[in-house]
PDB file of N, CA and C in Angstrom:
ATOM      1  N   MET A   1     -93.401  11.034 -30.415  1.00  0.00           N
ATOM      2  CA  MET A   1     -92.453  11.864 -29.706  1.00  0.00           C
ATOM      3  C   MET A   1     -91.933  11.071 -28.506  1.00  0.00           C
ATOM      4  N   PRO A   2     -90.635  11.041 -28.292  1.00  0.00           N
ATOM      5  CA  PRO A   2     -90.091  10.332 -27.128  1.00  0.00           C
ATOM      6  C   PRO A   2     -90.626  10.937 -25.827  1.00  0.00           C
ATOM      7  N   ASP A   3     -90.721  10.066 -24.802  1.00  0.00           N
ATOM      8  CA  ASP A   3     -91.327  10.465 -23.531  1.00  0.00           C
ATOM      9  C   ASP A   3     -90.647  11.687 -22.914  1.00  0.00           C
ATOM     10  N   GLY A   4     -89.315  11.736 -22.910  1.00  0.00           N
ATOM     11  CA  GLY A   4     -88.592  12.874 -22.339  1.00  0.00           C
ATOM     12  C   GLY A   4     -88.898  14.174 -23.052  1.00  0.00           C
ATOM     13  N   LEU A   5     -88.978  14.117 -24.382  1.00  0.00           N
ATOM     14  CA  LEU A   5     -89.292  15.307 -25.167  1.00  0.00           C
ATOM     15  C   LEU A   5     -90.729  15.759 -24.900  1.00  0.00           C
ATOM     16  N   GLN A   6     -91.647  14.815 -24.781  1.00  0.00           N
ATOM     17  CA  GLN A   6     -93.043  15.150 -24.500  1.00  0.00           C
ATOM     18  C   GLN A   6     -93.164  15.837 -23.139  1.00  0.00           C
ATOM     19  N   GLN A   7     -92.435  15.337 -22.147  1.00  0.00           N
ATOM     20  CA  GLN A   7     -92.456  15.963 -20.821  1.00  0.00           C
ATOM     21  C   GLN A   7     -91.911  17.383 -20.888  1.00  0.00           C
ATOM     22  N   TYR A   8     -90.850  17.578 -21.666  1.00  0.00           N
ATOM     23  CA  TYR A   8     -90.275  18.919 -21.831  1.00  0.00           C
ATOM     24  C   TYR A   8     -91.291  19.858 -22.476  1.00  0.00           C
ATOM     25  N   VAL A   9     -91.951  19.400 -23.527  1.00  0.00           N
ATOM     26  CA  VAL A   9     -92.949  20.220 -24.225  1.00  0.00           C
ATOM     27  C   VAL A   9     -94.091  20.564 -23.272  1.00  0.00           C
ATOM     28  N   ASN A  10     -94.552  19.593 -22.501  1.00  0.00           N
ATOM     29  CA  ASN A  10     -95.628  19.858 -21.543  1.00  0.00           C
ATOM     30  C   ASN A  10     -95.209  20.902 -20.518  1.00  0.00           C
ATOM     31  N   LEU A  11     -93.985  20.783 -19.992  1.00  0.00           N
ATOM     32  CA  LEU A  11     -93.474  21.749 -19.028  1.00  0.00           C
ATOM     33  C   LEU A  11     -93.364  23.125 -19.668  1.00  0.00           C
ATOM     34  N   GLU A  12     -92.827  23.186 -20.865  1.00  0.00           N
ATOM     35  CA  GLU A  12     -92.673  24.464 -21.568  1.00  0.00           C
ATOM     36  C   GLU A  12     -94.027  25.134 -21.757  1.00  0.00           C
ATOM     37  N   ASN A  13     -95.036  24.368 -22.143  1.00  0.00           N
ATOM     38  CA  ASN A  13     -96.376  24.925 -22.330  1.00  0.00           C
ATOM     39  C   ASN A  13     -96.934  25.469 -21.016  1.00  0.00           C
ATOM     40  N   ARG A  14     -96.706  24.763 -19.918  1.00  0.00           N
ATOM     41  CA  ARG A  14     -97.187  25.236 -18.612  1.00  0.00           C
ATOM     42  C   ARG A  14     -96.460  26.511 -18.193  1.00  0.00           C
ATOM     43  N   LEU A  15     -95.168  26.598 -18.461  1.00  0.00           N
ATOM     44  CA  LEU A  15     -94.415  27.792 -18.091  1.00  0.00           C
ATOM     45  C   LEU A  15     -94.871  29.012 -18.891  1.00  0.00           C
ATOM     46  N   VAL A  16     -95.156  28.818 -20.161  1.00  0.00           N
ATOM     47  CA  VAL A  16     -95.651  29.914 -20.993  1.00  0.00           C
ATOM     48  C   VAL A  16     -97.010  30.362 -20.481  1.00  0.00           C
ATOM     49  N   LEU A  17     -97.873  29.427 -20.152  1.00  0.00           N
ATOM     50  CA  LEU A  17     -99.196  29.768 -19.625  1.00  0.00           C
ATOM     51  C   LEU A  17     -99.076  30.516 -18.297  1.00  0.00           C
ATOM     52  N   LEU A  18     -98.172  30.073 -17.439  1.00  0.00           N
ATOM     53  CA  LEU A  18     -97.976  30.720 -16.154  1.00  0.00           C
ATOM     54  C   LEU A  18     -97.429  32.140 -16.340  1.00  0.00           C
ATOM     55  N   ALA A  19     -96.497  32.325 -17.245  1.00  0.00           N
ATOM     56  CA  ALA A  19     -95.960  33.664 -17.517  1.00  0.00           C
ATOM     57  C   ALA A  19     -97.055  34.581 -18.045  1.00  0.00           C
ATOM     58  N   TRP A  20     -97.914  34.063 -18.916  1.00  0.00           N
ATOM     59  CA  TRP A  20     -99.028  34.850 -19.449  1.00  0.00           C
ATOM     60  C   TRP A  20     -99.977  35.245 -18.327  1.00  0.00           C
ATOM     61  N   LEU A  21    -100.296  34.301 -17.433  1.00  0.00           N
ATOM     62  CA  LEU A  21    -101.198  34.583 -16.321  1.00  0.00           C
ATOM     63  C   LEU A  21    -100.602  35.648 -15.406  1.00  0.00           C
ATOM     64  N   ASN A  22     -99.317  35.521 -15.095  1.00  0.00           N
ATOM     65  CA  ASN A  22     -98.658  36.529 -14.259  1.00  0.00           C
ATOM     66  C   ASN A  22     -98.750  37.912 -14.891  1.00  0.00           C
ATOM     67  N   SER A  23     -98.483  38.006 -16.187  1.00  0.00           N
ATOM     68  CA  SER A  23     -98.534  39.311 -16.848  1.00  0.00           C
ATOM     69  C   SER A  23     -99.959  39.850 -16.894  1.00  0.00           C
ATOM     70  N   LEU A  24    -100.919  38.987 -17.075  1.00  0.00           N
ATOM     71  CA  LEU A  24    -102.319  39.401 -17.108  1.00  0.00           C
ATOM     72  C   LEU A  24    -102.742  40.021 -15.784  1.00  0.00           C
ATOM     73  N   LEU A  25    -102.233  39.473 -14.690  1.00  0.00           N
ATOM     74  CA  LEU A  25    -102.596  39.955 -13.356  1.00  0.00           C
ATOM     75  C   LEU A  25    -101.623  41.003 -12.828  1.00  0.00           C
ATOM     76  N   GLY A  26    -100.571  41.297 -13.582  1.00  0.00           N
ATOM     77  CA  GLY A  26     -99.647  42.339 -13.186  1.00  0.00           C
ATOM     78  C   GLY A  26     -98.530  41.904 -12.267  1.00  0.00           C
ATOM     79  N   TYR A  27     -98.233  40.625 -12.225  1.00  0.00           N
ATOM     80  CA  TYR A  27     -97.134  40.117 -11.402  1.00  0.00           C
ATOM     81  C   TYR A  27     -95.909  39.925 -12.285  1.00  0.00           C
ATOM     82  N   ARG A  28     -94.735  40.160 -11.704  1.00  0.00           N
ATOM     83  CA  ARG A  28     -93.490  39.966 -12.446  1.00  0.00           C
ATOM     84  C   ARG A  28     -92.932  38.559 -12.273  1.00  0.00           C
ATOM     85  N   SER A  29     -93.422  37.844 -11.249  1.00  0.00           N
ATOM     86  CA  SER A  29     -92.896  36.504 -10.994  1.00  0.00           C
ATOM     87  C   SER A  29     -93.911  35.694 -10.196  1.00  0.00           C
ATOM     88  N   ASN A  30     -93.674  34.391 -10.146  1.00  0.00           N
ATOM     89  CA  ASN A  30     -94.530  33.521  -9.332  1.00  0.00           C
ATOM     90  C   ASN A  30     -94.406  33.897  -7.859  1.00  0.00           C
ATOM     91  N   GLY A  31     -93.187  34.237  -7.450  1.00  0.00           N
ATOM     92  CA  GLY A  31     -92.958  34.620  -6.062  1.00  0.00           C
ATOM     93  C   GLY A  31     -93.771  35.840  -5.670  1.00  0.00           C
ATOM     94  N   GLU A  32     -93.858  36.807  -6.562  1.00  0.00           N
ATOM     95  CA  GLU A  32     -94.646  38.013  -6.290  1.00  0.00           C
ATOM     96  C   GLU A  32     -96.131  37.658  -6.164  1.00  0.00           C
ATOM     97  N   LEU A  33     -96.616  36.796  -7.035  1.00  0.00           N
ATOM     98  CA  LEU A  33     -98.004  36.345  -6.962  1.00  0.00           C
ATOM     99  C   LEU A  33     -98.268  35.635  -5.634  1.00  0.00           C
ATOM    100  N   LEU A  34     -97.387  34.716  -5.269  1.00  0.00           N
ATOM    101  CA  LEU A  34     -97.565  33.966  -4.023  1.00  0.00           C
ATOM    102  C   LEU A  34     -97.507  34.884  -2.812  1.00  0.00           C
ATOM    103  N   GLU A  35     -96.583  35.823  -2.805  1.00  0.00           N
ATOM    104  CA  GLU A  35     -96.455  36.762  -1.687  1.00  0.00           C
ATOM    105  C   GLU A  35     -97.725  37.603  -1.544  1.00  0.00           C
ATOM    106  N   ASN A  36     -98.258  38.052  -2.656  1.00  0.00           N
ATOM    107  CA  ASN A  36     -99.460  38.876  -2.647  1.00  0.00           C
ATOM    108  C   ASN A  36    -100.689  38.106  -2.185  1.00  0.00           C
ATOM    109  N   CYS A  37    -100.704  36.805  -2.409  1.00  0.00           N
ATOM    110  CA  CYS A  37    -101.874  35.990  -2.076  1.00  0.00           C
ATOM    111  C   CYS A  37    -101.804  35.375  -0.680  1.00  0.00           C
ATOM    112  N   LYS A  38    -100.706  35.600   0.051  1.00  0.00           N
ATOM    113  CA  LYS A  38    -100.554  35.014   1.384  1.00  0.00           C
ATOM    114  C   LYS A  38    -101.643  35.455   2.351  1.00  0.00           C
ATOM    115  N   THR A  39    -102.112  36.667   2.223  1.00  0.00           N
ATOM    116  CA  THR A  39    -103.078  37.210   3.173  1.00  0.00           C
ATOM    117  C   THR A  39    -104.521  36.843   2.841  1.00  0.00           C
ATOM    118  N   VAL A  40    -104.732  36.214   1.692  1.00  0.00           N
ATOM    119  CA  VAL A  40    -106.089  35.848   1.281  1.00  0.00           C
ATOM    120  C   VAL A  40    -106.565  34.667   2.121  1.00  0.00           C
ATOM    121  N   GLY A  41    -107.738  34.822   2.696  1.00  0.00           N
ATOM    122  CA  GLY A  41    -108.285  33.760   3.539  1.00  0.00           C
ATOM    123  C   GLY A  41    -108.729  32.549   2.739  1.00  0.00           C
ATOM    124  N   GLU A  42    -108.815  31.452   3.443  1.00  0.00           N
ATOM    125  CA  GLU A  42    -109.336  30.233   2.821  1.00  0.00           C
ATOM    126  C   GLU A  42    -110.849  30.277   2.865  1.00  0.00           C
ATOM    127  N   GLY A  43    -111.472  29.552   1.982  1.00  0.00           N
ATOM    128  CA  GLY A  43    -112.921  29.460   1.999  1.00  0.00           C
ATOM    129  C   GLY A  43    -113.549  30.003   0.735  1.00  0.00           C
ATOM    130  N   PHE A  44    -114.872  30.069   0.797  1.00  0.00           N
ATOM    131  CA  PHE A  44    -115.656  30.446  -0.375  1.00  0.00           C
ATOM    132  C   PHE A  44    -116.681  31.498  -0.002  1.00  0.00           C
ATOM    133  N   GLY A  45    -116.994  32.365  -0.972  1.00  0.00           N
ATOM    134  CA  GLY A  45    -118.029  33.361  -0.793  1.00  0.00           C
ATOM    135  C   GLY A  45    -119.402  32.756  -1.052  1.00  0.00           C
ATOM    136  N   ALA A  46    -120.436  33.553  -0.843  1.00  0.00           N
ATOM    137  CA  ALA A  46    -121.810  33.102  -1.038  1.00  0.00           C
ATOM    138  C   ALA A  46    -122.073  32.687  -2.486  1.00  0.00           C
ATOM    139  N   ASP A  47    -121.288  33.211  -3.416  1.00  0.00           N
ATOM    140  CA  ASP A  47    -121.474  32.879  -4.829  1.00  0.00           C
ATOM    141  C   ASP A  47    -120.793  31.575  -5.222  1.00  0.00           C
ATOM    142  N   GLY A  48    -120.092  30.942  -4.264  1.00  0.00           N
ATOM    143  CA  GLY A  48    -119.433  29.673  -4.545  1.00  0.00           C
ATOM    144  C   GLY A  48    -118.002  29.786  -5.028  1.00  0.00           C
ATOM    145  N   HIS A  49    -117.539  30.997  -5.283  1.00  0.00           N
ATOM    146  CA  HIS A  49    -116.152  31.204  -5.710  1.00  0.00           C
ATOM    147  C   HIS A  49    -115.263  31.395  -4.487  1.00  0.00           C
ATOM    148  N   SER A  50    -114.012  30.943  -4.605  1.00  0.00           N
ATOM    149  CA  SER A  50    -113.076  31.059  -3.487  1.00  0.00           C
ATOM    150  C   SER A  50    -112.681  32.516  -3.269  1.00  0.00           C
ATOM    151  N   PHE A  51    -112.198  32.806  -2.058  1.00  0.00           N
ATOM    152  CA  PHE A  51    -111.709  34.143  -1.754  1.00  0.00           C
ATOM    153  C   PHE A  51    -110.489  34.472  -2.618  1.00  0.00           C
ATOM    154  N   LEU A  52    -109.695  33.468  -2.958  1.00  0.00           N
ATOM    155  CA  LEU A  52    -108.557  33.678  -3.842  1.00  0.00           C
ATOM    156  C   LEU A  52    -109.030  34.115  -5.226  1.00  0.00           C
ATOM    157  N   TYR A  53    -110.070  33.486  -5.718  1.00  0.00           N
ATOM    158  CA  TYR A  53    -110.657  33.870  -7.000  1.00  0.00           C
ATOM    159  C   TYR A  53    -111.056  35.348  -6.972  1.00  0.00           C
ATOM    160  N   HIS A  54    -111.764  35.741  -5.914  1.00  0.00           N
ATOM    161  CA  HIS A  54    -112.212  37.136  -5.801  1.00  0.00           C
ATOM    162  C   HIS A  54    -111.025  38.093  -5.719  1.00  0.00           C
ATOM    163  N   HIS A  55    -109.989  37.691  -5.013  1.00  0.00           N
ATOM    164  CA  HIS A  55    -108.781  38.511  -4.891  1.00  0.00           C
ATOM    165  C   HIS A  55    -108.141  38.741  -6.260  1.00  0.00           C
ATOM    166  N   LEU A  56    -107.988  37.673  -7.025  1.00  0.00           N
ATOM    167  CA  LEU A  56    -107.349  37.777  -8.342  1.00  0.00           C
ATOM    168  C   LEU A  56    -108.218  38.539  -9.338  1.00  0.00           C
ATOM    169  N   ILE A  57    -109.521  38.321  -9.284  1.00  0.00           N
ATOM    170  CA  ILE A  57    -110.432  39.040 -10.182  1.00  0.00           C
ATOM    171  C   ILE A  57    -110.425  40.529  -9.863  1.00  0.00           C
ATOM    172  N   ALA A  58    -110.415  40.878  -8.588  1.00  0.00           N
ATOM    173  CA  ALA A  58    -110.376  42.296  -8.204  1.00  0.00           C
ATOM    174  C   ALA A  58    -109.084  42.940  -8.698  1.00  0.00           C
ATOM    175  N   ARG A  59    -107.986  42.222  -8.599  1.00  0.00           N
ATOM    176  CA  ARG A  59    -106.710  42.750  -9.093  1.00  0.00           C
ATOM    177  C   ARG A  59    -106.791  42.977 -10.593  1.00  0.00           C
ATOM    178  N   ARG A  60    -107.329  42.030 -11.318  1.00  0.00           N
ATOM    179  CA  ARG A  60    -107.438  42.151 -12.777  1.00  0.00           C
ATOM    180  C   ARG A  60    -108.334  43.332 -13.143  1.00  0.00           C
ATOM    181  N   ARG A  61    -109.463  43.468 -12.469  1.00  0.00           N
ATOM    182  CA  ARG A  61    -110.373  44.591 -12.771  1.00  0.00           C
ATOM    183  C   ARG A  61    -109.701  45.924 -12.483  1.00  0.00           C
ATOM    184  N   GLY A  62    -108.930  45.989 -11.412  1.00  0.00           N
ATOM    185  CA  GLY A  62    -108.203  47.210 -11.083  1.00  0.00           C
ATOM    186  C   GLY A  62    -107.207  47.577 -12.165  1.00  0.00           C
ATOM    187  N   ARG A  63    -106.525  46.563 -12.700  1.00  0.00           N
ATOM    188  CA  ARG A  63    -105.564  46.816 -13.781  1.00  0.00           C
ATOM    189  C   ARG A  63    -106.278  47.291 -15.042  1.00  0.00           C
ATOM    190  N   LEU A  64    -107.447  46.733 -15.327  1.00  0.00           N
ATOM    191  CA  LEU A  64    -108.200  47.155 -16.510  1.00  0.00           C
ATOM    192  C   LEU A  64    -108.670  48.601 -16.359  1.00  0.00           C
ATOM    193  N   ARG A  65    -109.155  48.958 -15.168  1.00  0.00           N
ATOM    194  CA  ARG A  65    -109.594  50.339 -14.937  1.00  0.00           C
ATOM    195  C   ARG A  65    -108.426  51.308 -15.073  1.00  0.00           C
ATOM    196  N   ALA A  66    -107.269  50.939 -14.549  1.00  0.00           N
ATOM    197  CA  ALA A  66    -106.092  51.798 -14.659  1.00  0.00           C
ATOM    198  C   ALA A  66    -105.706  51.976 -16.124  1.00  0.00           C
ATOM    199  N   ARG A  67    -105.786  50.919 -16.874  1.00  0.00           N
ATOM    200  CA  ARG A  67    -105.437  50.992 -18.294  1.00  0.00           C
ATOM    201  C   ARG A  67    -106.428  51.882 -19.039  1.00  0.00           C
ATOM    202  N   GLN A  68    -107.710  51.778 -18.699  1.00  0.00           N
ATOM    203  CA  GLN A  68    -108.712  52.617 -19.351  1.00  0.00           C
ATOM    204  C   GLN A  68    -108.494  54.084 -19.007  1.00  0.00           C
ATOM    205  N   ARG A  69    -108.069  54.361 -17.775  1.00  0.00           N
ATOM    206  CA  ARG A  69    -107.810  55.748 -17.383  1.00  0.00           C
ATOM    207  C   ARG A  69    -106.652  56.332 -18.185  1.00  0.00           C
ATOM    208  N   LEU A  70    -105.703  55.482 -18.540  1.00  0.00           N
ATOM    209  CA  LEU A  70    -104.578  55.955 -19.339  1.00  0.00           C
ATOM    210  C   LEU A  70    -104.964  56.142 -20.803  1.00  0.00           C
ATOM    211  N   ASP A  71    -106.175  55.652 -21.149  1.00  0.00           N
ATOM    212  CA  ASP A  71    -106.673  55.749 -22.523  1.00  0.00           C
ATOM    213  C   ASP A  71    -105.659  55.180 -23.503  1.00  0.00           C
ATOM    214  N   VAL A  72    -105.263  53.941 -23.268  1.00  0.00           N
ATOM    215  CA  VAL A  72    -104.305  53.272 -24.130  1.00  0.00           C
ATOM    216  C   VAL A  72    -104.907  53.126 -25.515  1.00  0.00           C
ATOM    217  N   VAL A  73    -104.155  53.512 -26.516  1.00  0.00           N
ATOM    218  CA  VAL A  73    -104.609  53.444 -27.901  1.00  0.00           C
ATOM    219  C   VAL A  73    -104.254  52.080 -28.463  1.00  0.00           C
ATOM    220  N   GLU A  74    -105.234  51.438 -29.084  1.00  0.00           N
ATOM    221  CA  GLU A  74    -104.984  50.146 -29.719  1.00  0.00           C
ATOM    222  C   GLU A  74    -104.182  50.362 -30.997  1.00  0.00           C
ATOM    223  N   PRO A  75    -103.368  49.381 -31.362  1.00  0.00           N
ATOM    224  CA  PRO A  75    -102.601  49.505 -32.604  1.00  0.00           C
ATOM    225  C   PRO A  75    -103.510  49.641 -33.822  1.00  0.00           C
ATOM    226  N   VAL A  76    -103.085  50.437 -34.771  1.00  0.00           N
ATOM    227  CA  VAL A  76    -103.827  50.590 -36.024  1.00  0.00           C
ATOM    228  C   VAL A  76    -103.831  49.251 -36.731  1.00  0.00           C
ATOM    229  N   GLY A  77    -104.924  48.948 -37.408  1.00  0.00           N
ATOM    230  CA  GLY A  77    -105.003  47.697 -38.144  1.00  0.00           C
ATOM    231  C   GLY A  77    -105.778  46.635 -37.384  1.00  0.00           C
ATOM    232  N   ARG A  78    -106.347  46.992 -36.282  1.00  0.00           N
ATOM    233  CA  ARG A  78    -107.134  46.034 -35.510  1.00  0.00           C
ATOM    234  C   ARG A  78    -108.623  46.352 -35.632  1.00  0.00           C
ATOM    235  N   GLY A  79    -109.030  46.892 -36.752  1.00  0.00           N
ATOM    236  CA  GLY A  79    -110.439  47.161 -36.969  1.00  0.00           C
ATOM    237  C   GLY A  79    -110.885  48.497 -36.398  1.00  0.00           C
ATOM    238  N   ARG A  80    -109.955  49.323 -35.997  1.00  0.00           N
ATOM    239  CA  ARG A  80    -110.296  50.610 -35.428  1.00  0.00           C
ATOM    240  C   ARG A  80    -109.772  51.718 -36.321  1.00  0.00           C
ATOM    241  N   ASP A  81    -110.554  52.744 -36.494  1.00  0.00           N
ATOM    242  CA  ASP A  81    -110.140  53.897 -37.269  1.00  0.00           C
ATOM    243  C   ASP A  81    -109.186  54.728 -36.420  1.00  0.00           C
ATOM    244  N   PRO A  82    -107.941  54.972 -36.887  1.00  0.00           N
ATOM    245  CA  PRO A  82    -106.983  55.732 -36.093  1.00  0.00           C
ATOM    246  C   PRO A  82    -107.429  57.161 -35.788  1.00  0.00           C
ATOM    247  N   GLN A  83    -108.398  57.701 -36.546  1.00  0.00           N
ATOM    248  CA  GLN A  83    -108.889  59.048 -36.310  1.00  0.00           C
ATOM    249  C   GLN A  83    -110.052  59.076 -35.306  1.00  0.00           C
ATOM    250  N   GLU A  84    -110.533  57.914 -34.936  1.00  0.00           N
ATOM    251  CA  GLU A  84    -111.679  57.801 -34.017  1.00  0.00           C
ATOM    252  C   GLU A  84    -111.286  58.315 -32.632  1.00  0.00           C
ATOM    253  N   HIS A  85    -112.165  59.098 -32.039  1.00  0.00           N
ATOM    254  CA  HIS A  85    -111.955  59.607 -30.681  1.00  0.00           C
ATOM    255  C   HIS A  85    -113.046  59.053 -29.779  1.00  0.00           C
ATOM    256  N   HIS A  86    -112.700  58.841 -28.507  1.00  0.00           N
ATOM    257  CA  HIS A  86    -113.663  58.261 -27.549  1.00  0.00           C
ATOM    258  C   HIS A  86    -114.585  59.316 -27.034  1.00  0.00           C
TER     259      HIS A  86
END
């Protein structure tokens, strides 16, 4: 693959990964993610993870809890019986 095309493919892969990460954490854009993380302090917790890590994990857990409260139904055909109730 020519060098220019390889660089394009690498960039495209990074952009797709970044878009997936933003959607996973509930951000609509990189700017929204950066704005939300401005107030996070520098440094690390006693567990060795950064405060930014804890901030992002807490956001993700909050989104998962909200989704569970909505009782989102998984699509049929994913190994779940459509008649099954929680």
